């Protein structure tokens, strides 16, 4: 079975691959932060950058995001299914983050497929 980090690596690689059809979209990992963003551009507007993390400390996440270039970022905070989500949500809302959506990440054990 994949670890959460391996699953995030796979998701970010696949997401960036599909975004790269028209222009390179790169994945960069720093600790438990994955940033997906446009590669170097010579013309045209930059697309929104996506940041995925397993970090639940909203202040630490905010300080990391302040070091990222770009006008607009989307943040995806992942947590274990057994972790209570309300304290995570409240921590981010207290710093002015806006919750747009919540959804589970689906996992399939590939050993069960013949």
PDB file of N, CA and C in Angstrom:
ATOM      1  N   UNK A   1       0.840  -1.176   0.000  1.00  0.00           N
ATOM      2  CA  UNK A   1       0.000   0.000   0.000  1.00  0.00           C
ATOM      3  C   UNK A   1       0.889   1.244   0.000  1.00  0.00           C
ATOM      4  N   UNK A   2       0.468   2.259  -0.700  1.00  0.00           N
ATOM      5  CA  UNK A   2       1.212   3.509  -0.785  1.00  0.00           C
ATOM      6  C   UNK A   2       1.087   4.302   0.510  1.00  0.00           C
ATOM      7  N   UNK A   3       2.145   5.014   0.846  1.00  0.00           N
ATOM      8  CA  UNK A   3       2.055   5.958   1.956  1.00  0.00           C
ATOM      9  C   UNK A   3       1.309   7.196   1.457  1.00  0.00           C
ATOM     10  N   UNK A   4       0.887   8.038   2.380  1.00  0.00           N
ATOM     11  CA  UNK A   4       0.195   9.266   1.995  1.00  0.00           C
ATOM     12  C   UNK A   4       1.099  10.119   1.118  1.00  0.00           C
ATOM     13  N   UNK A   5       2.374  10.218   1.476  1.00  0.00           N
ATOM     14  CA  UNK A   5       3.317  11.018   0.683  1.00  0.00           C
ATOM     15  C   UNK A   5       3.465  10.477  -0.734  1.00  0.00           C
ATOM     16  N   UNK A   6       3.526   9.152  -0.870  1.00  0.00           N
ATOM     17  CA  UNK A   6       3.619   8.550  -2.208  1.00  0.00           C
ATOM     18  C   UNK A   6       2.347   8.823  -3.009  1.00  0.00           C
ATOM     19  N   UNK A   7       1.199   8.778  -2.356  1.00  0.00           N
ATOM     20  CA  UNK A   7      -0.061   9.074  -3.025  1.00  0.00           C
ATOM     21  C   UNK A   7      -0.113  10.522  -3.497  1.00  0.00           C
ATOM     22  N   UNK A   8       0.387  11.439  -2.666  1.00  0.00           N
ATOM     23  CA  UNK A   8       0.417  12.847  -3.047  1.00  0.00           C
ATOM     24  C   UNK A   8       1.373  13.049  -4.218  1.00  0.00           C
ATOM     25  N   UNK A   9       2.544  12.400  -4.177  1.00  0.00           N
ATOM     26  CA  UNK A   9       3.484  12.481  -5.300  1.00  0.00           C
ATOM     27  C   UNK A   9       2.818  12.029  -6.596  1.00  0.00           C
ATOM     28  N   UNK A  10       2.097  10.901  -6.534  1.00  0.00           N
ATOM     29  CA  UNK A  10       1.428  10.367  -7.724  1.00  0.00           C
ATOM     30  C   UNK A  10       0.341  11.325  -8.207  1.00  0.00           C
ATOM     31  N   UNK A  11      -0.466  11.853  -7.282  1.00  0.00           N
ATOM     32  CA  UNK A  11      -1.526  12.787  -7.657  1.00  0.00           C
ATOM     33  C   UNK A  11      -0.945  14.036  -8.319  1.00  0.00           C
ATOM     34  N   UNK A  12       0.077  14.630  -7.684  1.00  0.00           N
ATOM     35  CA  UNK A  12       0.667  15.867  -8.210  1.00  0.00           C
ATOM     36  C   UNK A  12       1.316  15.633  -9.574  1.00  0.00           C
ATOM     37  N   UNK A  13       1.963  14.494  -9.741  1.00  0.00           N
ATOM     38  CA  UNK A  13       2.575  14.182 -11.040  1.00  0.00           C
ATOM     39  C   UNK A  13       1.516  14.057 -12.128  1.00  0.00           C
ATOM     40  N   UNK A  14       0.430  13.344 -11.830  1.00  0.00           N
ATOM     41  CA  UNK A  14      -0.649  13.183 -12.806  1.00  0.00           C
ATOM     42  C   UNK A  14      -1.353  14.485 -13.112  1.00  0.00           C
ATOM     43  N   UNK A  15      -1.639  15.280 -12.086  1.00  0.00           N
ATOM     44  CA  UNK A  15      -2.291  16.576 -12.275  1.00  0.00           C
ATOM     45  C   UNK A  15      -1.427  17.480 -13.136  1.00  0.00           C
ATOM     46  N   UNK A  16      -0.127  17.527 -12.834  1.00  0.00           N
ATOM     47  CA  UNK A  16       0.789  18.386 -13.590  1.00  0.00           C
ATOM     48  C   UNK A  16       0.962  17.897 -15.027  1.00  0.00           C
ATOM     49  N   UNK A  17       0.925  16.589 -15.224  1.00  0.00           N
ATOM     50  CA  UNK A  17       1.050  16.041 -16.575  1.00  0.00           C
ATOM     51  C   UNK A  17      -0.086  16.546 -17.458  1.00  0.00           C
ATOM     52  N   UNK A  18      -1.316  16.514 -16.934  1.00  0.00           N
ATOM     53  CA  UNK A  18      -2.453  16.963 -17.746  1.00  0.00           C
ATOM     54  C   UNK A  18      -2.442  18.470 -17.951  1.00  0.00           C
ATOM     55  N   UNK A  19      -1.939  19.225 -16.990  1.00  0.00           N
ATOM     56  CA  UNK A  19      -1.846  20.675 -17.154  1.00  0.00           C
ATOM     57  C   UNK A  19      -0.723  21.063 -18.114  1.00  0.00           C
ATOM     58  N   UNK A  20       0.191  20.134 -18.389  1.00  0.00           N
ATOM     59  CA  UNK A  20       1.353  20.423 -19.243  1.00  0.00           C
ATOM     60  C   UNK A  20       1.062  20.270 -20.729  1.00  0.00           C
ATOM     61  N   UNK A  21      -0.158  19.934 -21.110  1.00  0.00           N
ATOM     62  CA  UNK A  21      -0.461  19.759 -22.527  1.00  0.00           C
ATOM     63  C   UNK A  21      -0.211  21.051 -23.316  1.00  0.00           C
ATOM     64  N   UNK A  22      -0.497  22.206 -22.717  1.00  0.00           N
ATOM     65  CA  UNK A  22      -0.325  23.475 -23.430  1.00  0.00           C
ATOM     66  C   UNK A  22       0.921  24.241 -23.006  1.00  0.00           C
ATOM     67  N   UNK A  23       1.385  24.006 -21.798  1.00  0.00           N
ATOM     68  CA  UNK A  23       2.587  24.674 -21.287  1.00  0.00           C
ATOM     69  C   UNK A  23       3.089  23.868 -20.088  1.00  0.00           C
ATOM     70  N   UNK A  24       4.412  23.743 -19.922  1.00  0.00           N
ATOM     71  CA  UNK A  24       4.932  22.944 -18.799  1.00  0.00           C
ATOM     72  C   UNK A  24       4.389  23.409 -17.445  1.00  0.00           C
ATOM     73  N   UNK A  25       3.926  22.459 -16.678  1.00  0.00           N
ATOM     74  CA  UNK A  25       3.406  22.694 -15.325  1.00  0.00           C
ATOM     75  C   UNK A  25       4.213  21.790 -14.420  1.00  0.00           C
ATOM     76  N   UNK A  26       4.958  22.369 -13.499  1.00  0.00           N
ATOM     77  CA  UNK A  26       5.970  21.636 -12.737  1.00  0.00           C
ATOM     78  C   UNK A  26       5.523  21.359 -11.305  1.00  0.00           C
ATOM     79  N   UNK A  27       6.120  20.316 -10.726  1.00  0.00           N
ATOM     80  CA  UNK A  27       5.899  19.975  -9.325  1.00  0.00           C
ATOM     81  C   UNK A  27       7.209  20.178  -8.578  1.00  0.00           C
ATOM     82  N   UNK A  28       7.145  20.882  -7.456  1.00  0.00           N
ATOM     83  CA  UNK A  28       8.308  21.089  -6.598  1.00  0.00           C
ATOM     84  C   UNK A  28       7.901  20.714  -5.180  1.00  0.00           C
ATOM     85  N   UNK A  29       8.731  19.885  -4.524  1.00  0.00           N
ATOM     86  CA  UNK A  29       8.432  19.481  -3.158  1.00  0.00           C
ATOM     87  C   UNK A  29       9.459  20.076  -2.210  1.00  0.00           C
ATOM     88  N   UNK A  30       8.955  20.644  -1.113  1.00  0.00           N
ATOM     89  CA  UNK A  30       9.787  21.148  -0.031  1.00  0.00           C
ATOM     90  C   UNK A  30       9.205  20.606   1.265  1.00  0.00           C
ATOM     91  N   UNK A  31       9.858  19.620   1.849  1.00  0.00           N
ATOM     92  CA  UNK A  31       9.327  19.009   3.071  1.00  0.00           C
ATOM     93  C   UNK A  31       7.974  18.393   2.813  1.00  0.00           C
ATOM     94  N   UNK A  32       6.975  18.825   3.580  1.00  0.00           N
ATOM     95  CA  UNK A  32       5.627  18.289   3.363  1.00  0.00           C
ATOM     96  C   UNK A  32       4.732  19.291   2.625  1.00  0.00           C
ATOM     97  N   UNK A  33       5.362  20.054   1.706  1.00  0.00           N
ATOM     98  CA  UNK A  33       4.639  20.961   0.810  1.00  0.00           C
ATOM     99  C   UNK A  33       4.964  20.581  -0.635  1.00  0.00           C
ATOM    100  N   UNK A  34       3.938  20.430  -1.441  1.00  0.00           N
ATOM    101  CA  UNK A  34       4.092  20.186  -2.872  1.00  0.00           C
ATOM    102  C   UNK A  34       3.504  21.394  -3.577  1.00  0.00           C
ATOM    103  N   UNK A  35       4.288  22.040  -4.445  1.00  0.00           N
ATOM    104  CA  UNK A  35       3.767  23.161  -5.221  1.00  0.00           C
ATOM    105  C   UNK A  35       3.758  22.776  -6.683  1.00  0.00           C
ATOM    106  N   UNK A  36       2.617  22.999  -7.314  1.00  0.00           N
ATOM    107  CA  UNK A  36       2.472  22.785  -8.746  1.00  0.00           C
ATOM    108  C   UNK A  36       2.274  24.154  -9.374  1.00  0.00           C
ATOM    109  N   UNK A  37       3.101  24.474 -10.378  1.00  0.00           N
ATOM    110  CA  UNK A  37       3.044  25.805 -10.973  1.00  0.00           C
ATOM    111  C   UNK A  37       3.552  25.761 -12.400  1.00  0.00           C
ATOM    112  N   UNK A  38       3.289  26.848 -13.124  1.00  0.00           N
ATOM    113  CA  UNK A  38       3.788  26.987 -14.491  1.00  0.00           C
ATOM    114  C   UNK A  38       5.307  26.964 -14.504  1.00  0.00           C
ATOM    115  N   UNK A  39       5.843  26.360 -15.569  1.00  0.00           N
ATOM    116  CA  UNK A  39       7.268  26.469 -15.825  1.00  0.00           C
ATOM    117  C   UNK A  39       7.564  27.872 -16.326  1.00  0.00           C
ATOM    118  N   UNK A  40       8.833  28.174 -16.581  1.00  0.00           N
ATOM    119  CA  UNK A  40       9.173  29.517 -17.068  1.00  0.00           C
ATOM    120  C   UNK A  40       8.383  29.872 -18.329  1.00  0.00           C
ATOM    121  N   UNK A  41       7.890  31.097 -18.376  1.00  0.00           N
ATOM    122  CA  UNK A  41       7.103  31.584 -19.515  1.00  0.00           C
ATOM    123  C   UNK A  41       7.814  32.746 -20.174  1.00  0.00           C
ATOM    124  N   UNK A  42       7.708  32.807 -21.494  1.00  0.00           N
ATOM    125  CA  UNK A  42       8.237  33.960 -22.219  1.00  0.00           C
ATOM    126  C   UNK A  42       7.119  34.934 -22.570  1.00  0.00           C
ATOM    127  N   UNK A  43       5.864  34.432 -22.563  1.00  0.00           N
ATOM    128  CA  UNK A  43       4.720  35.296 -22.843  1.00  0.00           C
ATOM    129  C   UNK A  43       3.470  34.670 -22.221  1.00  0.00           C
ATOM    130  N   UNK A  44       2.438  35.469 -22.104  1.00  0.00           N
ATOM    131  CA  UNK A  44       1.181  34.985 -21.547  1.00  0.00           C
ATOM    132  C   UNK A  44       1.151  35.070 -20.030  1.00  0.00           C
ATOM    133  N   UNK A  45      -0.049  34.955 -19.491  1.00  0.00           N
ATOM    134  CA  UNK A  45      -0.236  35.038 -18.046  1.00  0.00           C
ATOM    135  C   UNK A  45       0.077  33.710 -17.379  1.00  0.00           C
ATOM    136  N   UNK A  46       0.565  33.794 -16.154  1.00  0.00           N
ATOM    137  CA  UNK A  46       0.801  32.600 -15.347  1.00  0.00           C
ATOM    138  C   UNK A  46      -0.541  32.077 -14.844  1.00  0.00           C
ATOM    139  N   UNK A  47      -0.644  30.758 -14.792  1.00  0.00           N
ATOM    140  CA  UNK A  47      -1.853  30.159 -14.242  1.00  0.00           C
ATOM    141  C   UNK A  47      -1.746  30.085 -12.722  1.00  0.00           C
ATOM    142  N   UNK A  48      -2.856  29.768 -12.080  1.00  0.00           N
ATOM    143  CA  UNK A  48      -2.895  29.627 -10.633  1.00  0.00           C
ATOM    144  C   UNK A  48      -1.965  28.505 -10.189  1.00  0.00           C
ATOM    145  N   UNK A  49      -1.233  28.750  -9.123  1.00  0.00           N
ATOM    146  CA  UNK A  49      -0.401  27.709  -8.533  1.00  0.00           C
ATOM    147  C   UNK A  49      -1.226  26.932  -7.513  1.00  0.00           C
ATOM    148  N   UNK A  50      -0.906  25.673  -7.378  1.00  0.00           N
ATOM    149  CA  UNK A  50      -1.590  24.796  -6.427  1.00  0.00           C
ATOM    150  C   UNK A  50      -0.567  24.344  -5.395  1.00  0.00           C
ATOM    151  N   UNK A  51      -0.940  24.370  -4.115  1.00  0.00           N
ATOM    152  CA  UNK A  51      -0.073  23.895  -3.051  1.00  0.00           C
ATOM    153  C   UNK A  51      -0.814  22.811  -2.291  1.00  0.00           C
ATOM    154  N   UNK A  52      -0.165  21.664  -2.125  1.00  0.00           N
ATOM    155  CA  UNK A  52      -0.732  20.544  -1.385  1.00  0.00           C
ATOM    156  C   UNK A  52       0.161  20.314  -0.177  1.00  0.00           C
ATOM    157  N   UNK A  53      -0.454  20.099   0.988  1.00  0.00           N
ATOM    158  CA  UNK A  53       0.335  19.856   2.190  1.00  0.00           C
ATOM    159  C   UNK A  53      -0.388  18.922   3.141  1.00  0.00           C
ATOM    160  N   UNK A  54       0.390  18.309   4.009  1.00  0.00           N
ATOM    161  CA  UNK A  54      -0.155  17.512   5.105  1.00  0.00           C
ATOM    162  C   UNK A  54       0.034  18.251   6.419  1.00  0.00           C
ATOM    163  N   UNK A  55       0.517  19.488   6.340  1.00  0.00           N
ATOM    164  CA  UNK A  55       0.747  20.315   7.530  1.00  0.00           C
ATOM    165  C   UNK A  55      -0.574  20.913   7.999  1.00  0.00           C
ATOM    166  N   UNK A  56      -0.891  20.765   9.284  1.00  0.00           N
ATOM    167  CA  UNK A  56      -2.161  21.254   9.817  1.00  0.00           C
ATOM    168  C   UNK A  56      -2.003  22.534  10.624  1.00  0.00           C
ATOM    169  N   UNK A  57      -0.781  22.988  10.862  1.00  0.00           N
ATOM    170  CA  UNK A  57      -0.537  24.225  11.584  1.00  0.00           C
ATOM    171  C   UNK A  57      -0.714  25.390  10.606  1.00  0.00           C
ATOM    172  N   UNK A  58      -1.839  26.097  10.726  1.00  0.00           N
ATOM    173  CA  UNK A  58      -2.191  27.135   9.755  1.00  0.00           C
ATOM    174  C   UNK A  58      -1.149  28.249   9.704  1.00  0.00           C
ATOM    175  N   UNK A  59      -0.572  28.620  10.830  1.00  0.00           N
ATOM    176  CA  UNK A  59       0.435  29.688  10.830  1.00  0.00           C
ATOM    177  C   UNK A  59       1.694  29.263  10.085  1.00  0.00           C
ATOM    178  N   UNK A  60       2.111  28.013  10.249  1.00  0.00           N
ATOM    179  CA  UNK A  60       3.270  27.500   9.523  1.00  0.00           C
ATOM    180  C   UNK A  60       2.990  27.467   8.021  1.00  0.00           C
ATOM    181  N   UNK A  61       1.783  27.044   7.646  1.00  0.00           N
ATOM    182  CA  UNK A  61       1.403  27.014   6.233  1.00  0.00           C
ATOM    183  C   UNK A  61       1.403  28.430   5.659  1.00  0.00           C
ATOM    184  N   UNK A  62       0.834  29.368   6.388  1.00  0.00           N
ATOM    185  CA  UNK A  62       0.786  30.756   5.921  1.00  0.00           C
ATOM    186  C   UNK A  62       2.196  31.311   5.715  1.00  0.00           C
ATOM    187  N   UNK A  63       3.102  31.032   6.637  1.00  0.00           N
ATOM    188  CA  UNK A  63       4.465  31.537   6.473  1.00  0.00           C
ATOM    189  C   UNK A  63       5.141  30.901   5.255  1.00  0.00           C
ATOM    190  N   UNK A  64       4.834  29.632   4.975  1.00  0.00           N
ATOM    191  CA  UNK A  64       5.373  28.986   3.781  1.00  0.00           C
ATOM    192  C   UNK A  64       4.794  29.626   2.510  1.00  0.00           C
ATOM    193  N   UNK A  65       3.499  29.894   2.509  1.00  0.00           N
ATOM    194  CA  UNK A  65       2.842  30.472   1.336  1.00  0.00           C
ATOM    195  C   UNK A  65       3.334  31.879   1.037  1.00  0.00           C
ATOM    196  N   UNK A  66       3.694  32.634   2.061  1.00  0.00           N
ATOM    197  CA  UNK A  66       4.188  33.998   1.846  1.00  0.00           C
ATOM    198  C   UNK A  66       5.492  34.009   1.066  1.00  0.00           C
ATOM    199  N   UNK A  67       6.223  32.900   1.088  1.00  0.00           N
ATOM    200  CA  UNK A  67       7.480  32.820   0.355  1.00  0.00           C
ATOM    201  C   UNK A  67       7.323  32.366  -1.086  1.00  0.00           C
ATOM    202  N   UNK A  68       6.085  32.195  -1.549  1.00  0.00           N
ATOM    203  CA  UNK A  68       5.826  31.715  -2.908  1.00  0.00           C
ATOM    204  C   UNK A  68       5.427  32.878  -3.799  1.00  0.00           C
ATOM    205  N   UNK A  69       6.082  32.979  -4.952  1.00  0.00           N
ATOM    206  CA  UNK A  69       5.716  34.001  -5.926  1.00  0.00           C
ATOM    207  C   UNK A  69       4.375  33.652  -6.548  1.00  0.00           C
ATOM    208  N   UNK A  70       3.627  34.662  -6.902  1.00  0.00           N
ATOM    209  CA  UNK A  70       2.352  34.445  -7.582  1.00  0.00           C
ATOM    210  C   UNK A  70       1.253  35.215  -6.899  1.00  0.00           C
ATOM    211  N   UNK A  71       0.298  35.608  -7.700  1.00  0.00           N
ATOM    212  CA  UNK A  71      -0.799  36.405  -7.175  1.00  0.00           C
ATOM    213  C   UNK A  71      -1.879  35.547  -6.533  1.00  0.00           C
ATOM    214  N   UNK A  72      -2.065  34.354  -7.038  1.00  0.00           N
ATOM    215  CA  UNK A  72      -3.178  33.538  -6.579  1.00  0.00           C
ATOM    216  C   UNK A  72      -2.722  32.104  -6.371  1.00  0.00           C
ATOM    217  N   UNK A  73      -3.050  31.566  -5.210  1.00  0.00           N
ATOM    218  CA  UNK A  73      -2.700  30.186  -4.875  1.00  0.00           C
ATOM    219  C   UNK A  73      -3.943  29.443  -4.423  1.00  0.00           C
ATOM    220  N   UNK A  74      -4.001  28.182  -4.757  1.00  0.00           N
ATOM    221  CA  UNK A  74      -5.000  27.295  -4.191  1.00  0.00           C
ATOM    222  C   UNK A  74      -4.275  26.355  -3.243  1.00  0.00           C
ATOM    223  N   UNK A  75      -4.852  26.130  -2.076  1.00  0.00           N
ATOM    224  CA  UNK A  75      -4.241  25.303  -1.048  1.00  0.00           C
ATOM    225  C   UNK A  75      -5.107  24.081  -0.802  1.00  0.00           C
ATOM    226  N   UNK A  76      -4.476  22.927  -0.756  1.00  0.00           N
ATOM    227  CA  UNK A  76      -5.159  21.680  -0.436  1.00  0.00           C
ATOM    228  C   UNK A  76      -4.466  21.094   0.787  1.00  0.00           C
ATOM    229  N   UNK A  77      -5.193  20.988   1.896  1.00  0.00           N
ATOM    230  CA  UNK A  77      -4.649  20.446   3.140  1.00  0.00           C
ATOM    231  C   UNK A  77      -5.215  19.042   3.312  1.00  0.00           C
ATOM    232  N   UNK A  78      -4.331  18.061   3.334  1.00  0.00           N
ATOM    233  CA  UNK A  78      -4.761  16.669   3.481  1.00  0.00           C
ATOM    234  C   UNK A  78      -4.567  16.215   4.917  1.00  0.00           C
ATOM    235  N   UNK A  79      -5.491  15.398   5.388  1.00  0.00           N
ATOM    236  CA  UNK A  79      -5.364  14.834   6.727  1.00  0.00           C
ATOM    237  C   UNK A  79      -5.841  13.396   6.708  1.00  0.00           C
ATOM    238  N   UNK A  80      -5.387  12.653   7.694  1.00  0.00           N
ATOM    239  CA  UNK A  80      -5.786  11.260   7.828  1.00  0.00           C
ATOM    240  C   UNK A  80      -7.286  11.185   8.104  1.00  0.00           C
ATOM    241  N   UNK A  81      -7.923  10.148   7.616  1.00  0.00           N
ATOM    242  CA  UNK A  81      -9.372  10.018   7.756  1.00  0.00           C
ATOM    243  C   UNK A  81      -9.790   9.986   9.229  1.00  0.00           C
ATOM    244  N   UNK A  82      -8.911   9.534  10.115  1.00  0.00           N
ATOM    245  CA  UNK A  82      -9.249   9.459  11.534  1.00  0.00           C
ATOM    246  C   UNK A  82      -9.013  10.768  12.277  1.00  0.00           C
ATOM    247  N   UNK A  83      -8.335  11.731  11.650  1.00  0.00           N
ATOM    248  CA  UNK A  83      -8.039  13.011  12.310  1.00  0.00           C
ATOM    249  C   UNK A  83      -9.289  13.886  12.322  1.00  0.00           C
ATOM    250  N   UNK A  84      -9.577  14.538  13.444  1.00  0.00           N
ATOM    251  CA  UNK A  84     -10.730  15.454  13.463  1.00  0.00           C
ATOM    252  C   UNK A  84     -10.446  16.654  12.562  1.00  0.00           C
ATOM    253  N   UNK A  85     -11.392  16.977  11.695  1.00  0.00           N
ATOM    254  CA  UNK A  85     -11.144  18.038  10.723  1.00  0.00           C
ATOM    255  C   UNK A  85     -11.537  19.425  11.218  1.00  0.00           C
ATOM    256  N   UNK A  86     -12.449  19.528  12.170  1.00  0.00           N
ATOM    257  CA  UNK A  86     -12.916  20.850  12.601  1.00  0.00           C
ATOM    258  C   UNK A  86     -11.787  21.716  13.167  1.00  0.00           C
ATOM    259  N   UNK A  87     -10.873  21.187  13.994  1.00  0.00           N
ATOM    260  CA  UNK A  87      -9.770  22.047  14.464  1.00  0.00           C
ATOM    261  C   UNK A  87      -8.883  22.547  13.312  1.00  0.00           C
ATOM    262  N   UNK A  88      -8.709  21.739  12.283  1.00  0.00           N
ATOM    263  CA  UNK A  88      -7.919  22.149  11.116  1.00  0.00           C
ATOM    264  C   UNK A  88      -8.642  23.283  10.400  1.00  0.00           C
ATOM    265  N   UNK A  89      -9.937  23.103  10.152  1.00  0.00           N
ATOM    266  CA  UNK A  89     -10.743  24.121   9.472  1.00  0.00           C
ATOM    267  C   UNK A  89     -10.736  25.426  10.273  1.00  0.00           C
ATOM    268  N   UNK A  90     -10.963  25.336  11.581  1.00  0.00           N
ATOM    269  CA  UNK A  90     -11.012  26.532  12.427  1.00  0.00           C
ATOM    270  C   UNK A  90      -9.675  27.266  12.427  1.00  0.00           C
ATOM    271  N   UNK A  91      -8.556  26.533  12.446  1.00  0.00           N
ATOM    272  CA  UNK A  91      -7.238  27.154  12.432  1.00  0.00           C
ATOM    273  C   UNK A  91      -6.997  27.971  11.179  1.00  0.00           C
ATOM    274  N   UNK A  92      -7.386  27.427  10.029  1.00  0.00           N
ATOM    275  CA  UNK A  92      -7.192  28.146   8.767  1.00  0.00           C
ATOM    276  C   UNK A  92      -8.168  29.315   8.637  1.00  0.00           C
ATOM    277  N   UNK A  93      -9.414  29.133   9.050  1.00  0.00           N
ATOM    278  CA  UNK A  93     -10.392  30.225   8.972  1.00  0.00           C
ATOM    279  C   UNK A  93      -9.974  31.390   9.856  1.00  0.00           C
ATOM    280  N   UNK A  94      -9.361  31.100  11.006  1.00  0.00           N
ATOM    281  CA  UNK A  94      -8.947  32.174  11.918  1.00  0.00           C
ATOM    282  C   UNK A  94      -7.878  33.064  11.288  1.00  0.00           C
ATOM    283  N   UNK A  95      -7.166  32.566  10.279  1.00  0.00           N
ATOM    284  CA  UNK A  95      -6.145  33.350   9.593  1.00  0.00           C
ATOM    285  C   UNK A  95      -6.639  33.922   8.268  1.00  0.00           C
ATOM    286  N   UNK A  96      -7.940  33.781   7.992  1.00  0.00           N
ATOM    287  CA  UNK A  96      -8.522  34.397   6.801  1.00  0.00           C
ATOM    288  C   UNK A  96      -8.593  33.503   5.578  1.00  0.00           C
ATOM    289  N   UNK A  97      -8.266  32.213   5.713  1.00  0.00           N
ATOM    290  CA  UNK A  97      -8.406  31.300   4.586  1.00  0.00           C
ATOM    291  C   UNK A  97      -9.884  31.035   4.362  1.00  0.00           C
ATOM    292  N   UNK A  98     -10.252  30.766   3.123  1.00  0.00           N
ATOM    293  CA  UNK A  98     -11.639  30.478   2.780  1.00  0.00           C
ATOM    294  C   UNK A  98     -11.744  29.030   2.317  1.00  0.00           C
ATOM    295  N   UNK A  99     -12.634  28.277   2.957  1.00  0.00           N
ATOM    296  CA  UNK A  99     -12.867  26.889   2.578  1.00  0.00           C
ATOM    297  C   UNK A  99     -13.747  26.851   1.345  1.00  0.00           C
ATOM    298  N   UNK A 100     -13.231  26.258   0.275  1.00  0.00           N
ATOM    299  CA  UNK A 100     -14.012  26.180  -0.959  1.00  0.00           C
ATOM    300  C   UNK A 100     -14.689  24.821  -1.109  1.00  0.00           C
ATOM    301  N   UNK A 101     -14.024  23.771  -0.647  1.00  0.00           N
ATOM    302  CA  UNK A 101     -14.560  22.442  -0.880  1.00  0.00           C
ATOM    303  C   UNK A 101     -13.861  21.448   0.035  1.00  0.00           C
ATOM    304  N   UNK A 102     -14.539  20.370   0.348  1.00  0.00           N
ATOM    305  CA  UNK A 102     -13.945  19.247   1.073  1.00  0.00           C
ATOM    306  C   UNK A 102     -14.340  17.982   0.347  1.00  0.00           C
ATOM    307  N   UNK A 103     -13.386  17.088   0.222  1.00  0.00           N
ATOM    308  CA  UNK A 103     -13.718  15.805  -0.377  1.00  0.00           C
ATOM    309  C   UNK A 103     -12.677  14.773   0.032  1.00  0.00           C
ATOM    310  N   UNK A 104     -13.082  13.514   0.106  1.00  0.00           N
ATOM    311  CA  UNK A 104     -12.133  12.466   0.484  1.00  0.00           C
ATOM    312  C   UNK A 104     -11.246  12.087  -0.700  1.00  0.00           C
ATOM    313  N   UNK A 105     -10.033  11.675  -0.386  1.00  0.00           N
ATOM    314  CA  UNK A 105      -9.149  11.129  -1.407  1.00  0.00           C
ATOM    315  C   UNK A 105      -9.375   9.626  -1.401  1.00  0.00           C
ATOM    316  N   UNK A 106      -9.718   9.095  -2.538  1.00  0.00           N
ATOM    317  CA  UNK A 106     -10.026   7.668  -2.613  1.00  0.00           C
ATOM    318  C   UNK A 106      -8.750   6.860  -2.817  1.00  0.00           C
ATOM    319  N   UNK A 107      -8.683   5.722  -2.125  1.00  0.00           N
ATOM    320  CA  UNK A 107      -7.515   4.849  -2.198  1.00  0.00           C
ATOM    321  C   UNK A 107      -7.983   3.451  -2.553  1.00  0.00           C
ATOM    322  N   UNK A 108      -7.268   2.805  -3.453  1.00  0.00           N
ATOM    323  CA  UNK A 108      -7.585   1.430  -3.847  1.00  0.00           C
ATOM    324  C   UNK A 108      -6.327   0.590  -3.691  1.00  0.00           C
ATOM    325  N   UNK A 109      -6.427  -0.467  -2.922  1.00  0.00           N
ATOM    326  CA  UNK A 109      -5.312  -1.383  -2.738  1.00  0.00           C
ATOM    327  C   UNK A 109      -5.157  -2.215  -4.019  1.00  0.00           C
ATOM    328  N   UNK A 110      -4.070  -2.006  -4.743  1.00  0.00           N
ATOM    329  CA  UNK A 110      -3.879  -2.673  -6.038  1.00  0.00           C
ATOM    330  C   UNK A 110      -3.569  -4.154  -5.898  1.00  0.00           C
ATOM    331  N   UNK A 111      -3.212  -4.598  -4.677  1.00  0.00           N
ATOM    332  CA  UNK A 111      -2.963  -6.036  -4.459  1.00  0.00           C
ATOM    333  C   UNK A 111      -4.234  -6.851  -4.634  1.00  0.00           C
ATOM    334  N   UNK A 112      -5.410  -6.210  -4.498  1.00  0.00           N
ATOM    335  CA  UNK A 112      -6.679  -6.919  -4.608  1.00  0.00           C
ATOM    336  C   UNK A 112      -7.101  -7.152  -6.068  1.00  0.00           C
ATOM    337  N   UNK A 113      -6.373  -6.559  -7.008  1.00  0.00           N
ATOM    338  CA  UNK A 113      -6.713  -6.726  -8.435  1.00  0.00           C
ATOM    339  C   UNK A 113      -5.894  -7.876  -8.988  1.00  0.00           C
ATOM    340  N   UNK A 114      -6.562  -8.872  -9.593  1.00  0.00           N
ATOM    341  CA  UNK A 114      -5.808 -10.028 -10.125  1.00  0.00           C
ATOM    342  C   UNK A 114      -4.953  -9.662 -11.325  1.00  0.00           C
TER     343      UNK A 114
END
